[in-house]
Amino acid sequence: MNKIVENAEAATHDIQNDAVLMLGGFGLCGIPENCIAALVKKNVTGLTCISNNAGVDDFGIGLLLQKKQVKKMIASYVGENAEFERQLLEGELEVELIPQGTLATRCLASGYGMPAIYTPAGAGTEVAEGKEVRNFNGKDYLLEYAFDADFALVKAWKGDADGNLIFKATARNFNPMMAMAGKITIAEVEELLPSGQLDPNEIHVPGIYVHRIFQGINYEKRIEQLTVRKKA
């Protein structure tokens, strides 16, 4: 099975309006920059985006928010995006905030084929409203359902023609678990190699989870908050 596609436009050709997307990354680290740019250009709307965060105003998912292509955000942290805040306060955007560990574990549940999990995170808070609560060994746990995403968009350091992926340092973040969870997983990589060129012991995501892969271009790799020491 040939998984290699030419570029982001080809990889995302069948993402239509109202699709549910998982987008890897943490802050601006390890985000699928090329795929996001292709979706902005394609102008699909009504998207539900599952991501740790919502990017910044002029980068990452923030680009989709600028053009009002996102109907709903499911995320853990959204504090760096003024346009996100405006749309939320104006009632233009549906938002579901989830504890970060719960977000990660719901992604894992999807990849493992589990319909739901029980977690203590959020028990006794607003997060628990409308959810089933069960007590195990004297402690309350919330029932949280696995995500049901049409596509997972991830970004890796290296990949091969079989779809095997290696992530670099903290860019690993949410990418592996989301790669496992999408019905169709699209991976963009900095370096695309022939089959057999990756050390099997270094692979983070086996190619069985990846349906399309391409070598990305022009990565900006922005830093969300740059903190440096003052010169002496």
Protein backbone atom coordinates (compact mmCIF):
# COMPACT_ATOMS: atom_id res chain seq x y z
CA MET A 1 0.00 0.00 0.00
CA ASN A 2 1.48 3.33 -1.08
CA LYS A 3 1.04 5.83 1.74
CA ILE A 4 3.14 8.64 0.28
CA VAL A 5 1.28 11.65 -1.07
CA GLU A 6 2.79 14.67 -2.77
CA ASN A 7 1.92 17.43 -0.33
CA ALA A 8 -0.51 18.74 2.28
CA GLU A 9 -3.15 19.58 -0.29
CA ALA A 10 -3.20 16.00 -1.55
CA ALA A 11 -3.15 14.61 1.98
CA THR A 12 -6.16 16.65 3.10
CA HIS A 13 -8.16 16.47 -0.14
CA ASP A 14 -11.12 14.64 1.42
CA ILE A 15 -11.44 16.69 4.62
CA GLN A 16 -14.84 18.26 4.18
CA ASN A 17 -17.03 20.72 6.07
CA ASP A 18 -18.08 19.62 9.58
CA ALA A 19 -15.20 17.14 9.94
CA VAL A 20 -13.87 16.22 13.40
CA LEU A 21 -10.10 16.65 13.52
CA MET A 22 -7.38 15.78 16.00
CA LEU A 23 -4.34 18.05 15.71
CA GLY A 24 -1.08 17.09 17.41
CA GLY A 25 1.16 19.56 19.14
CA PHE A 26 1.72 21.32 22.44
CA GLY A 27 1.63 25.08 22.21
CA LEU A 28 3.29 25.63 18.85
CA CYS A 29 5.67 22.69 19.26
CA GLY A 30 5.17 19.81 16.85
CA ILE A 31 2.04 21.15 15.17
CA PRO A 32 1.03 20.05 11.63
CA GLU A 33 1.84 23.41 10.05
CA ASN A 34 1.48 22.30 6.43
CA CYS A 35 -1.87 20.56 6.95
CA ILE A 36 -3.30 23.54 8.80
CA ALA A 37 -2.19 25.85 5.97
CA ALA A 38 -3.85 23.55 3.44
CA LEU A 39 -7.14 23.61 5.37
CA VAL A 40 -7.02 27.40 5.57
CA LYS A 41 -6.51 27.56 1.81
CA LYS A 42 -9.25 25.00 1.21
CA ASN A 43 -11.64 27.06 3.37
CA VAL A 44 -13.47 24.11 4.91
CA THR A 45 -15.86 25.21 7.66
CA GLY A 46 -17.76 23.82 10.62
CA LEU A 47 -14.69 21.99 11.92
CA THR A 48 -14.48 20.43 15.36
CA CYS A 49 -10.85 20.59 16.46
CA ILE A 50 -9.46 18.39 19.23
CA SER A 51 -6.12 19.81 20.33
CA ASN A 52 -4.22 20.55 23.51
CA ASN A 53 -4.49 24.26 22.70
CA ALA A 54 -5.78 26.69 20.11
CA GLY A 55 -2.56 28.12 18.73
CA VAL A 56 -1.97 31.88 18.67
CA ASP A 57 -3.75 34.57 16.70
CA ASP A 58 -1.62 34.31 13.57
CA PHE A 59 -0.31 30.75 13.67
CA GLY A 60 -1.42 27.17 14.15
CA ILE A 61 -5.13 26.62 14.75
CA GLY A 62 -5.35 30.39 15.21
CA LEU A 63 -5.27 30.67 11.40
CA LEU A 64 -8.42 28.54 11.16
CA LEU A 65 -10.08 30.59 13.90
CA GLN A 66 -9.27 33.82 12.08
CA LYS A 67 -11.34 32.67 9.10
CA LYS A 68 -14.08 31.26 11.37
CA GLN A 69 -13.56 27.74 10.04
CA VAL A 70 -13.83 26.18 13.50
CA LYS A 71 -17.25 25.45 14.96
CA LYS A 72 -16.06 23.77 18.17
CA MET A 73 -12.79 23.57 20.08
CA ILE A 74 -12.06 20.69 22.42
CA ALA A 75 -8.90 21.65 24.28
CA SER A 76 -7.06 21.99 27.59
CA TYR A 77 -5.40 25.39 27.32
CA VAL A 78 -6.53 28.34 25.23
CA GLY A 79 -4.95 31.35 26.91
CA GLU A 80 -2.68 32.58 24.10
CA ASN A 81 -5.31 33.37 21.49
CA ALA A 82 -7.21 36.66 21.63
CA GLU A 83 -9.43 35.78 18.66
CA PHE A 84 -10.40 32.55 20.37
CA GLU A 85 -11.38 34.55 23.47
CA ARG A 86 -13.41 37.00 21.39
CA GLN A 87 -15.33 34.26 19.58
CA LEU A 88 -16.00 32.45 22.85
CA LEU A 89 -17.33 35.57 24.61
CA GLU A 90 -19.43 36.53 21.58
CA GLY A 91 -21.01 33.07 21.43
CA GLU A 92 -19.53 32.37 18.00
CA LEU A 93 -17.53 29.31 19.10
CA GLU A 94 -18.50 26.23 21.06
CA VAL A 95 -15.81 25.26 23.56
CA GLU A 96 -15.24 22.15 25.66
CA LEU A 97 -12.38 22.52 28.13
CA ILE A 98 -10.90 19.23 29.33
CA PRO A 99 -8.21 18.47 31.93
CA GLN A 100 -5.00 17.77 30.03
CA GLY A 101 -4.57 14.24 31.34
CA THR A 102 -8.17 13.42 30.46
CA LEU A 103 -7.65 14.76 26.94
CA ALA A 104 -4.59 12.55 26.50
CA THR A 105 -6.29 9.47 27.93
CA ARG A 106 -9.40 9.89 25.79
CA CYS A 107 -7.10 9.97 22.76
CA LEU A 108 -5.40 6.79 23.99
CA ALA A 109 -8.76 5.13 24.54
CA SER A 110 -9.65 5.84 20.91
CA GLY A 111 -6.40 4.29 19.73
CA TYR A 112 -6.83 1.25 21.95
CA GLY A 113 -10.40 0.66 20.79
CA MET A 114 -11.84 1.37 24.25
CA PRO A 115 -15.22 3.15 24.27
CA ALA A 116 -14.65 5.01 27.54
CA ILE A 117 -12.48 5.49 30.61
CA TYR A 118 -12.98 6.34 34.28
CA THR A 119 -10.88 9.17 35.70
CA PRO A 120 -10.82 11.06 39.01
CA ALA A 121 -9.87 14.29 37.21
CA GLY A 122 -12.71 16.79 37.48
CA ALA A 123 -14.79 14.86 40.02
CA GLY A 124 -16.68 17.25 42.27
CA THR A 125 -16.17 20.20 39.88
CA GLU A 126 -17.99 21.77 36.93
CA VAL A 127 -16.26 19.21 34.72
CA ALA A 128 -18.48 16.52 36.27
CA GLU A 129 -21.79 18.17 35.36
CA GLY A 130 -24.02 15.80 33.36
CA LYS A 131 -21.54 12.91 33.53
CA GLU A 132 -21.82 9.49 35.10
CA VAL A 133 -19.96 9.23 38.41
CA ARG A 134 -18.91 5.92 39.96
CA ASN A 135 -17.20 5.27 43.24
CA PHE A 136 -14.25 2.87 43.33
CA ASN A 137 -12.66 2.12 46.70
CA GLY A 138 -14.15 5.22 48.23
CA LYS A 139 -13.12 7.62 45.45
CA ASP A 140 -15.33 9.20 42.76
CA TYR A 141 -14.48 8.76 39.09
CA LEU A 142 -16.04 10.34 36.01
CA LEU A 143 -17.00 8.36 32.93
CA GLU A 144 -15.35 9.99 29.91
CA TYR A 145 -15.91 8.77 26.36
CA ALA A 146 -13.20 8.09 23.81
CA PHE A 147 -12.99 10.62 20.98
CA ASP A 148 -14.48 9.86 17.60
CA ALA A 149 -12.30 11.78 15.14
CA ASP A 150 -12.56 11.57 11.36
CA PHE A 151 -8.92 12.57 10.84
CA ALA A 152 -5.77 12.91 12.93
CA LEU A 153 -3.19 15.42 11.67
CA VAL A 154 0.26 14.92 13.17
CA LYS A 155 3.77 16.19 12.57
CA ALA A 156 6.91 14.09 13.02
CA TRP A 157 10.66 14.59 12.65
CA LYS A 158 11.29 11.53 10.48
CA GLY A 159 9.05 9.06 8.71
CA ASP A 160 9.34 6.35 6.11
CA ALA A 161 7.31 5.12 3.18
CA ASP A 162 5.52 2.61 5.42
CA GLY A 163 4.29 5.40 7.71
CA ASN A 164 6.59 4.68 10.66
CA LEU A 165 7.24 7.86 12.64
CA ILE A 166 9.94 9.27 14.91
CA PHE A 167 9.38 12.45 16.90
CA LYS A 168 12.10 14.76 18.15
CA ALA A 169 12.25 15.69 21.83
CA THR A 170 9.18 17.52 23.16
CA ALA A 171 7.57 17.64 19.71
CA ARG A 172 6.46 14.11 20.56
CA ASN A 173 3.78 15.48 22.97
CA PHE A 174 0.22 14.61 21.83
CA ASN A 175 1.28 13.41 18.38
CA PRO A 176 1.70 9.64 19.00
CA MET A 177 -1.59 9.14 20.83
CA MET A 178 -3.50 11.15 18.22
CA ALA A 179 -1.82 9.24 15.41
CA MET A 180 -3.26 6.07 16.91
CA ALA A 181 -6.74 7.52 17.32
CA GLY A 182 -7.88 8.97 13.98
CA LYS A 183 -9.97 7.00 11.52
CA ILE A 184 -7.57 8.41 8.92
CA THR A 185 -4.17 9.58 10.15
CA ILE A 186 -2.18 12.04 8.07
CA ALA A 187 1.47 12.56 8.99
CA GLU A 188 3.69 15.34 7.75
CA VAL A 189 7.40 14.89 8.38
CA GLU A 190 10.58 16.91 8.11
CA GLU A 191 12.44 14.01 6.52
CA LEU A 192 10.81 11.21 4.52
CA LEU A 193 12.92 8.10 4.02
CA PRO A 194 12.54 4.85 2.06
CA SER A 195 11.19 1.79 3.83
CA GLY A 196 13.71 0.11 6.11
CA GLN A 197 15.81 3.21 6.75
CA LEU A 198 14.54 3.86 10.30
CA ASP A 199 15.94 1.97 13.27
CA PRO A 200 13.00 -0.16 14.52
CA ASN A 201 14.07 0.50 18.12
CA GLU A 202 13.62 4.25 17.65
CA ILE A 203 10.15 4.25 16.08
CA HIS A 204 7.50 5.94 18.22
CA VAL A 205 4.45 5.24 16.03
CA PRO A 206 4.34 2.12 13.84
CA GLY A 207 3.14 2.63 10.30
CA ILE A 208 -0.01 0.54 10.81
CA TYR A 209 -1.61 3.64 12.33
CA VAL A 210 -0.65 6.02 9.50
CA HIS A 211 -2.64 6.20 6.29
CA ARG A 212 -0.95 9.09 4.45
CA ILE A 213 2.49 10.63 4.79
CA PHE A 214 4.34 13.45 3.05
CA GLN A 215 7.46 15.54 3.47
CA GLY A 216 6.52 19.00 4.66
CA ILE A 217 8.14 22.28 3.67
CA ASN A 218 8.94 25.71 5.11
CA TYR A 219 8.53 24.86 8.78
CA GLU A 220 8.60 27.97 10.95
CA LYS A 221 8.76 26.12 14.29
CA ARG A 222 7.71 29.20 16.20
CA ILE A 223 8.24 29.57 19.94
CA GLU A 224 5.04 30.54 21.72
CA GLN A 225 6.66 32.40 24.60
CA LEU A 226 10.33 33.25 24.15
CA THR A 227 12.05 33.79 27.50
CA VAL A 228 15.72 34.68 27.43
CA ARG A 229 18.29 35.91 29.90
CA LYS A 230 19.25 39.57 29.68
CA LYS A 231 22.74 40.27 28.44
CA ALA A 232 25.26 41.05 31.16
